[in-house]
Amino acid sequence: MSRIDLPGGANDERDGERASHGERGNRASHGERSERGTRGERASHGEIEALAAIGLLVAVLVLAIGAVAGPASIPGADGLLDDGADGEPEIPSGNGNADVGTEDDGVASGHRTRVTVIEVVDGDTMHVRLPDGSRDTIRLLGVDTPEVGDGNVDPAEWEGIPDDEAGRTWLAAWGDRASVHAETRLAGEDVYVETDPTADYRGSYDRLLVYVYRNESARTSFNRRLIDEGYARLYESEFERRSAYRSAETAAREDGVGAWGYEEGAWTDGGRVVDGAGATSEGGLAVVAIHADAEGNDHENRNGEYVTLENRGTDPIALGGWTLSDAAGNAYSFPDGFELEPGDHVTVYTGDGADTDTELYWGSDRAVWNNDGDTVIVRSADGTTRIEYAY
């Protein structure tokens, strides 16, 4: 019979038993040896059967535990698919693109960095203080405001504006307005800047090319607002938002917003409207856009009609109690306490809506402004006519 290795030193005990049998073998009778041999065989068979039963029981228990616990977790061959905190595989980010910015500058692509505007140079250029305390110059990415001074502007860059003295005077005036607009909103303020992964990190004169946001959660950049409001044109360069900016510029140009609202012969004397019987008031309030012909039925699309006013002066204008009216006497009254800061604009829509600092709603139940011509009249609270502009 072959030897069975038993746990817990049982083999040693069996070896000792066989040695004892050998020592007594010559003295014991043949019958005694036969009887002991038979009992030894029966004992060995019993021990084997017991061990087999125990092994079977252990195997059943292991299978049962595996069924309840599920399959063992096997990490990925590359060691990357470790369980995350939520029990799902934690897969490393596939974004291996390095930031365009550098640690020295502290401004990284895809991340907004807070800086302080120390000085506004013009409508699209500012000096700033970076997080590490150093100073740098930023250039608003993707936009170009007119240069300050009519000797520096180039009307050829602005479609529809003639390359003559009137066109240059017009653009120079809008260069001044763009500078005032940026000064009143950004100078001395903490703003957030962000670079573009597809654009150059620095432009000419080694200026940082960035989008500027007035707060960390803002969805629309200051750059884009300059395009929307006609202070800037699209600057021809490569950047991620170029297509959207081009569409915004087209819309502003077609609507005659801001600098795109040039009318031949209308502007002289530093950009003051004289061909409109006072389209700019003595205090600096100006009519900068009129949209009389709404898309579709004017009476059904009343908010497709609007007039935009801007404060081109240096002091706030308290418009509470002032009125905006047409030649027929239809009048809208500005809400009490409403003020227009220097460089700010407000659009008055004919229909209904919720008033904001930049949008007011007439609440008229029908269209107001005649498509074939009308007169925009603005009167102060005491009834004095401040603007009377025929279009």
Protein backbone atom coordinates (compact mmCIF):
# COMPACT_ATOMS: atom_id res chain seq x y z
CA MET A 1 0.00 0.00 0.00
CA SER A 2 1.39 3.43 -0.90
CA ARG A 3 2.22 6.00 1.74
CA ILE A 4 -0.35 8.76 2.44
CA ASP A 5 0.98 12.08 3.83
CA LEU A 6 -1.35 13.04 6.64
CA PRO A 7 -1.45 16.42 8.30
CA GLY A 8 -0.31 17.19 11.82
CA GLY A 9 2.61 14.63 12.15
CA ALA A 10 0.47 11.49 11.45
CA ASN A 11 3.20 10.07 9.20
CA ASP A 12 5.69 10.10 12.06
CA GLU A 13 3.25 8.24 14.19
CA ARG A 14 2.71 5.56 11.47
CA ASP A 15 6.49 5.16 11.02
CA GLY A 16 6.82 4.48 14.73
CA GLU A 17 3.98 1.94 14.58
CA ARG A 18 5.70 0.04 11.74
CA ALA A 19 8.97 -0.03 13.67
CA SER A 20 7.21 -1.62 16.65
CA HIS A 21 5.65 -4.26 14.40
CA GLY A 22 9.08 -5.12 13.05
CA GLU A 23 10.66 -5.51 16.48
CA ARG A 24 7.90 -7.89 17.65
CA GLY A 25 7.51 -9.72 14.36
CA ASN A 26 9.69 -12.71 15.33
CA ARG A 27 7.90 -13.18 18.66
CA ALA A 28 4.31 -12.80 17.42
CA SER A 29 2.42 -15.68 15.94
CA HIS A 30 1.38 -15.71 12.31
CA GLY A 31 -2.27 -15.25 13.33
CA GLU A 32 -1.46 -12.22 15.42
CA ARG A 33 0.41 -10.66 12.52
CA SER A 34 -2.48 -11.38 10.16
CA GLU A 35 -5.03 -9.90 12.56
CA ARG A 36 -2.95 -6.76 13.09
CA GLY A 37 -2.41 -6.44 9.34
CA THR A 38 -6.13 -6.63 8.70
CA ARG A 39 -6.89 -4.00 11.35
CA GLY A 40 -4.15 -1.70 9.95
CA GLU A 41 -5.61 -1.89 6.47
CA ARG A 42 -9.10 -1.14 7.77
CA ALA A 43 -7.72 1.90 9.71
CA SER A 44 -5.89 3.22 6.64
CA HIS A 45 -9.01 2.92 4.47
CA GLY A 46 -11.08 4.78 7.08
CA GLU A 47 -8.59 7.63 7.33
CA ILE A 48 -8.49 8.02 3.55
CA GLU A 49 -12.28 8.12 3.31
CA ALA A 50 -12.42 10.77 6.07
CA LEU A 51 -9.85 12.94 4.32
CA ALA A 52 -11.70 12.64 1.00
CA ALA A 53 -14.93 13.77 2.66
CA ILE A 54 -13.19 16.77 4.24
CA GLY A 55 -11.63 17.72 0.89
CA LEU A 56 -15.00 17.52 -0.85
CA LEU A 57 -16.59 19.73 1.82
CA VAL A 58 -13.83 22.35 1.49
CA ALA A 59 -14.24 22.41 -2.31
CA VAL A 60 -18.00 22.95 -1.99
CA LEU A 61 -17.47 25.81 0.48
CA VAL A 62 -14.95 27.53 -1.82
CA LEU A 63 -17.35 27.33 -4.77
CA ALA A 64 -20.21 28.71 -2.67
CA ILE A 65 -18.15 31.67 -1.44
CA GLY A 66 -17.02 32.46 -5.00
CA ALA A 67 -20.60 32.48 -6.26
CA VAL A 68 -21.66 35.02 -3.61
CA ALA A 69 -18.62 37.32 -3.84
CA GLY A 70 -18.42 37.33 -7.63
CA PRO A 71 -15.31 36.94 -9.74
CA ALA A 72 -12.02 38.16 -8.41
CA SER A 73 -10.97 41.64 -9.52
CA ILE A 74 -8.12 41.50 -11.97
CA PRO A 75 -6.29 44.71 -12.63
CA GLY A 76 -5.65 45.68 -16.23
CA ALA A 77 -2.43 44.48 -17.73
CA ASP A 78 -1.14 48.02 -17.87
CA GLY A 79 -2.13 48.71 -14.28
CA LEU A 80 -4.36 51.67 -15.26
CA LEU A 81 -7.85 50.39 -14.54
CA ASP A 82 -7.89 50.58 -10.76
CA ASP A 83 -11.21 50.88 -8.99
CA GLY A 84 -12.22 54.49 -8.43
CA ALA A 85 -13.92 55.82 -5.33
CA ASP A 86 -17.34 55.27 -6.89
CA GLY A 87 -16.66 51.60 -7.71
CA GLU A 88 -16.29 52.23 -11.43
CA PRO A 89 -12.98 51.75 -13.22
CA GLU A 90 -10.91 54.90 -12.99
CA ILE A 91 -9.65 55.58 -16.48
CA PRO A 92 -6.83 58.09 -16.91
CA SER A 93 -7.62 61.25 -18.88
CA GLY A 94 -6.89 61.04 -22.56
CA ASN A 95 -5.97 64.73 -22.70
CA GLY A 96 -2.25 64.67 -22.98
CA ASN A 97 -1.95 68.15 -24.46
CA ALA A 98 0.47 70.37 -22.61
CA ASP A 99 -0.65 73.86 -21.65
CA VAL A 100 0.39 76.53 -24.10
CA GLY A 101 1.28 78.80 -21.21
CA THR A 102 4.34 78.50 -19.05
CA GLU A 103 4.73 78.29 -15.32
CA ASP A 104 6.82 81.45 -15.38
CA ASP A 105 3.93 83.41 -16.84
CA GLY A 106 1.34 81.74 -14.64
CA VAL A 107 -1.23 81.82 -17.45
CA ALA A 108 -2.24 78.43 -18.88
CA SER A 109 -4.37 77.39 -21.83
CA GLY A 110 -7.85 76.24 -20.88
CA HIS A 111 -7.56 77.67 -17.37
CA ARG A 112 -8.66 81.10 -16.19
CA THR A 113 -6.07 83.04 -14.26
CA ARG A 114 -6.92 86.07 -12.16
CA VAL A 115 -4.91 89.20 -12.94
CA THR A 116 -5.28 92.86 -12.03
CA VAL A 117 -5.64 95.48 -14.76
CA ILE A 118 -3.15 98.22 -13.92
CA GLU A 119 -3.70 100.39 -16.98
CA VAL A 120 -5.84 100.40 -20.11
CA VAL A 121 -3.70 101.36 -23.10
CA ASP A 122 -6.57 101.32 -25.60
CA GLY A 123 -9.66 99.28 -26.38
CA ASP A 124 -7.81 95.99 -26.84
CA THR A 125 -4.54 96.34 -24.89
CA MET A 126 -3.93 96.50 -21.11
CA HIS A 127 -1.07 96.34 -18.63
CA VAL A 128 -1.73 93.77 -15.89
CA ARG A 129 -0.23 92.37 -12.72
CA LEU A 130 0.15 88.57 -12.76
CA PRO A 131 -0.42 86.27 -9.75
CA ASP A 132 3.31 86.22 -8.93
CA GLY A 133 3.38 90.01 -8.71
CA SER A 134 5.13 90.59 -12.03
CA ARG A 135 3.78 92.94 -14.70
CA ASP A 136 2.91 92.05 -18.27
CA THR A 137 0.92 93.38 -21.21
CA ILE A 138 -2.10 91.57 -22.61
CA ARG A 139 -3.69 91.88 -26.03
CA LEU A 140 -7.32 90.80 -26.46
CA LEU A 141 -7.26 87.75 -28.72
CA GLY A 142 -9.22 87.73 -31.97
CA VAL A 143 -10.42 91.34 -31.94
CA ASP A 144 -9.16 94.72 -33.09
CA THR A 145 -10.54 98.07 -31.96
CA PRO A 146 -9.83 101.21 -34.02
CA GLU A 147 -6.57 102.96 -33.18
CA VAL A 148 -6.74 106.20 -31.24
CA GLY A 149 -6.16 109.24 -33.49
CA ASP A 150 -7.31 109.57 -37.09
CA GLY A 151 -3.73 109.43 -38.34
CA ASN A 152 -3.40 105.84 -37.15
CA VAL A 153 -6.67 104.25 -38.29
CA ASP A 154 -7.03 102.23 -41.48
CA PRO A 155 -10.59 102.34 -42.92
CA ALA A 156 -9.63 99.62 -45.40
CA GLU A 157 -9.83 97.17 -42.49
CA TRP A 158 -13.47 98.09 -41.88
CA GLU A 159 -15.85 97.07 -44.63
CA GLY A 160 -18.19 99.86 -45.72
CA ILE A 161 -16.24 102.72 -44.14
CA PRO A 162 -14.61 104.98 -46.75
CA ASP A 163 -10.89 105.59 -46.77
CA ASP A 164 -11.18 109.36 -46.57
CA GLU A 165 -11.11 112.04 -43.91
CA ALA A 166 -14.69 111.39 -42.82
CA GLY A 167 -14.08 107.66 -42.52
CA ARG A 168 -10.87 108.15 -40.55
CA THR A 169 -12.54 110.67 -38.25
CA TRP A 170 -15.37 108.22 -37.65
CA LEU A 171 -13.06 105.35 -36.79
CA ALA A 172 -10.81 107.50 -34.60
CA ALA A 173 -13.88 108.54 -32.61
CA TRP A 174 -14.79 104.89 -32.15
CA GLY A 175 -11.22 104.16 -31.10
CA ASP A 176 -11.67 106.72 -28.33
CA ARG A 177 -15.00 105.17 -27.35
CA ALA A 178 -13.53 101.68 -27.27
CA SER A 179 -10.79 102.94 -24.95
CA VAL A 180 -13.32 104.62 -22.64
CA HIS A 181 -15.44 101.47 -22.74
CA ALA A 182 -12.51 99.32 -21.61
CA GLU A 183 -11.31 101.90 -19.08
CA THR A 184 -14.65 102.14 -17.28
CA ARG A 185 -15.06 98.35 -17.09
CA LEU A 186 -11.57 96.98 -16.56
CA ALA A 187 -9.18 99.57 -15.13
CA GLY A 188 -8.18 98.67 -11.57
CA GLU A 189 -10.31 95.53 -11.64
CA ASP A 190 -9.42 91.90 -11.07
CA VAL A 191 -10.29 90.00 -14.25
CA TYR A 192 -9.73 86.47 -15.51
CA VAL A 193 -7.63 85.71 -18.56
CA GLU A 194 -7.37 82.57 -20.64
CA THR A 195 -5.14 81.64 -23.56
CA ASP A 196 -6.21 79.69 -26.64
CA PRO A 197 -4.64 76.28 -27.44
CA THR A 198 -4.68 76.95 -31.19
CA ALA A 199 -3.38 80.53 -31.12
CA ASP A 200 0.07 81.97 -30.62
CA TYR A 201 0.84 82.46 -26.95
CA ARG A 202 2.37 85.89 -27.54
CA GLY A 203 1.84 88.29 -30.38
CA SER A 204 3.70 91.29 -31.72
CA TYR A 205 5.52 93.36 -29.09
CA ASP A 206 5.61 90.18 -26.94
CA ARG A 207 2.10 90.75 -25.57
CA LEU A 208 0.11 87.86 -24.07
CA LEU A 209 -2.81 86.95 -26.34
CA VAL A 210 -5.80 86.19 -24.13
CA TYR A 211 -9.54 86.12 -23.68
CA VAL A 212 -10.64 88.36 -20.80
CA TYR A 213 -13.57 87.61 -18.50
CA ARG A 214 -14.90 90.07 -15.94
CA ASN A 215 -15.58 87.28 -13.44
CA GLU A 216 -14.57 83.65 -13.06
CA SER A 217 -17.95 82.20 -14.05
CA ALA A 218 -18.70 84.53 -17.01
CA ARG A 219 -19.68 82.64 -20.14
CA THR A 220 -19.04 85.48 -22.61
CA SER A 221 -15.62 87.08 -22.86
CA PHE A 222 -14.99 90.81 -22.98
CA ASN A 223 -13.44 90.15 -26.41
CA ARG A 224 -16.70 88.78 -27.81
CA ARG A 225 -18.74 91.63 -26.34
CA LEU A 226 -16.55 94.15 -28.17
CA ILE A 227 -17.47 92.40 -31.42
CA ASP A 228 -21.18 92.18 -30.55
CA GLU A 229 -21.39 95.85 -29.61
CA GLY A 230 -19.49 97.18 -32.61
CA TYR A 231 -16.38 98.38 -30.77
CA ALA A 232 -14.12 95.94 -32.56
CA ARG A 233 -13.74 93.94 -35.75
CA LEU A 234 -12.49 90.39 -36.19
CA TYR A 235 -8.70 90.27 -36.17
CA GLU A 236 -7.42 87.96 -38.89
CA SER A 237 -5.40 85.35 -37.02
CA GLU A 238 -5.70 81.70 -36.08
CA PHE A 239 -7.69 81.00 -32.92
CA GLU A 240 -10.29 78.49 -31.81
CA ARG A 241 -13.31 80.82 -31.78
CA ARG A 242 -12.63 82.49 -35.10
CA SER A 243 -15.76 81.17 -36.84
CA ALA A 244 -18.08 82.35 -34.05
CA TYR A 245 -16.40 85.76 -33.97
CA ARG A 246 -16.75 86.11 -37.73
CA SER A 247 -20.49 85.41 -37.48
CA ALA A 248 -20.81 87.95 -34.66
CA GLU A 249 -18.97 90.58 -36.71
CA THR A 250 -21.24 89.95 -39.70
CA ALA A 251 -24.34 90.40 -37.55
CA ALA A 252 -23.03 93.64 -36.03
CA ARG A 253 -22.07 95.01 -39.45
CA GLU A 254 -25.42 94.14 -41.03
CA ASP A 255 -27.28 95.76 -38.12
CA GLY A 256 -25.11 98.87 -38.22
CA VAL A 257 -24.06 98.46 -34.59
CA GLY A 258 -21.35 100.72 -33.18
CA ALA A 259 -18.56 101.56 -35.59
CA TRP A 260 -20.42 99.75 -38.35
CA GLY A 261 -23.19 102.38 -38.28
CA TYR A 262 -21.36 104.83 -40.52
CA GLU A 263 -23.51 107.02 -42.75
CA GLU A 264 -21.87 109.09 -45.45
CA GLY A 265 -21.69 112.77 -44.54
CA ALA A 266 -23.23 112.27 -41.12
CA TRP A 267 -20.13 112.58 -38.96
CA THR A 268 -17.78 115.53 -38.57
CA ASP A 269 -16.17 117.37 -35.66
CA GLY A 270 -14.58 114.42 -33.90
CA GLY A 271 -17.46 112.03 -34.52
CA ARG A 272 -20.40 114.19 -33.41
CA VAL A 273 -23.60 113.55 -35.37
CA VAL A 274 -24.70 116.83 -36.93
CA ASP A 275 -26.79 115.42 -39.72
CA GLY A 276 -29.50 114.19 -37.41
CA ALA A 277 -30.62 117.27 -35.51
CA GLY A 278 -28.84 116.37 -32.30
CA ALA A 279 -28.29 112.60 -32.29
CA THR A 280 -25.73 113.22 -29.52
CA SER A 281 -26.85 115.31 -26.55
CA GLU A 282 -24.70 117.87 -24.79
CA GLY A 283 -24.24 115.43 -21.91
CA GLY A 284 -22.92 112.73 -24.23
CA LEU A 285 -26.06 110.60 -24.70
CA ALA A 286 -26.16 109.27 -28.26
CA VAL A 287 -28.37 107.17 -30.49
CA VAL A 288 -26.04 104.47 -31.82
CA ALA A 289 -28.45 101.96 -33.37
CA ILE A 290 -32.01 101.87 -34.65
CA HIS A 291 -33.62 98.65 -35.82
CA ALA A 292 -37.07 99.54 -37.11
CA ASP A 293 -37.79 96.66 -39.48
CA ALA A 294 -38.20 93.50 -37.41
CA GLU A 295 -38.03 90.10 -39.05
CA GLY A 296 -41.48 88.94 -40.14
CA ASN A 297 -44.55 90.77 -38.90
CA ASP A 298 -43.41 93.80 -36.88
CA HIS A 299 -46.50 93.71 -34.64
CA GLU A 300 -45.86 90.06 -33.74
CA ASN A 301 -42.09 90.39 -33.38
CA ARG A 302 -42.04 93.59 -31.35
CA ASN A 303 -38.68 92.86 -29.74
CA GLY A 304 -37.22 92.78 -33.23
CA GLU A 305 -37.59 96.57 -33.02
CA TYR A 306 -35.20 98.48 -30.80
CA VAL A 307 -33.22 101.67 -30.25
CA THR A 308 -29.79 101.64 -28.61
CA LEU A 309 -28.46 104.61 -26.65
CA GLU A 310 -24.91 105.09 -25.38
CA ASN A 311 -23.26 107.42 -22.87
CA ARG A 312 -20.28 108.86 -24.72
CA GLY A 313 -19.57 111.39 -22.02
CA THR A 314 -17.38 111.21 -18.95
CA ASP A 315 -20.10 111.33 -16.27
CA PRO A 316 -23.07 109.07 -15.47
CA ILE A 317 -26.41 110.12 -16.93
CA ALA A 318 -29.46 109.74 -14.67
CA LEU A 319 -32.19 108.70 -17.12
CA GLY A 320 -34.94 108.08 -14.57
CA GLY A 321 -38.07 109.91 -15.75
CA TRP A 322 -36.65 110.63 -19.23
CA THR A 323 -38.72 109.60 -22.24
CA LEU A 324 -38.03 107.99 -25.60
CA SER A 325 -40.65 108.67 -28.26
CA ASP A 326 -41.38 108.62 -31.98
CA ALA A 327 -42.80 111.31 -34.24
CA ALA A 328 -46.37 110.14 -33.54
CA GLY A 329 -46.01 110.75 -29.80
CA ASN A 330 -45.74 107.12 -28.65
CA ALA A 331 -43.56 107.44 -25.54
CA TYR A 332 -41.58 105.18 -23.25
CA SER A 333 -40.49 106.37 -19.77
CA PHE A 334 -37.18 105.22 -18.32
CA PRO A 335 -37.56 103.62 -14.87
CA ASP A 336 -36.79 105.67 -11.76
CA GLY A 337 -33.19 105.45 -10.67
CA PHE A 338 -31.88 104.18 -14.00
CA GLU A 339 -28.37 105.47 -14.75
CA LEU A 340 -26.11 105.02 -17.74
CA GLU A 341 -22.41 104.97 -16.88
CA PRO A 342 -19.76 106.42 -19.22
CA GLY A 343 -19.14 104.02 -22.09
CA ASP A 344 -22.26 101.98 -21.30
CA HIS A 345 -25.16 101.44 -23.65
CA VAL A 346 -28.78 100.44 -23.20
CA THR A 347 -31.18 98.97 -25.75
CA VAL A 348 -34.89 99.73 -25.51
CA TYR A 349 -36.97 96.94 -27.08
CA THR A 350 -40.53 97.66 -28.16
CA GLY A 351 -42.07 94.47 -26.71
CA ASP A 352 -42.18 92.81 -23.30
CA GLY A 353 -39.33 91.46 -21.18
CA ALA A 354 -37.43 91.73 -17.91
CA ASP A 355 -35.39 94.93 -17.55
CA THR A 356 -31.63 94.71 -16.93
CA ASP A 357 -28.78 97.23 -16.83
CA THR A 358 -28.36 96.93 -20.59
CA GLU A 359 -31.85 95.99 -21.81
CA LEU A 360 -35.15 97.78 -21.20
CA TYR A 361 -38.61 96.85 -22.51
CA TRP A 362 -41.24 99.34 -23.69
CA GLY A 363 -44.13 96.91 -23.21
CA SER A 364 -46.02 98.17 -26.26
CA ASP A 365 -48.71 95.91 -27.70
CA ARG A 366 -47.82 96.95 -31.26
CA ALA A 367 -44.84 98.04 -33.33
CA VAL A 368 -43.67 101.64 -32.83
CA TRP A 369 -40.91 102.58 -35.26
CA ASN A 370 -41.88 103.11 -38.90
CA ASN A 371 -39.85 101.06 -41.33
CA ASP A 372 -39.77 103.78 -43.98
CA GLY A 373 -38.55 106.52 -41.65
CA ASP A 374 -39.33 108.08 -38.28
CA THR A 375 -37.85 110.38 -35.64
CA VAL A 376 -36.21 109.28 -32.40
CA ILE A 377 -36.83 111.85 -29.66
CA VAL A 378 -35.28 111.74 -26.19
CA ARG A 379 -36.48 114.20 -23.56
CA SER A 380 -35.21 114.72 -20.02
CA ALA A 381 -37.56 114.56 -17.02
CA ASP A 382 -38.28 118.30 -17.25
CA GLY A 383 -39.45 117.93 -20.86
CA THR A 384 -36.33 119.35 -22.50
CA THR A 385 -35.55 117.74 -25.84
CA ARG A 386 -32.09 116.21 -25.60
CA ILE A 387 -31.98 114.24 -28.85
CA GLU A 388 -34.07 114.49 -31.99
CA TYR A 389 -32.84 112.20 -34.71
CA ALA A 390 -34.64 111.55 -37.99
CA TYR A 391 -33.84 108.41 -39.96
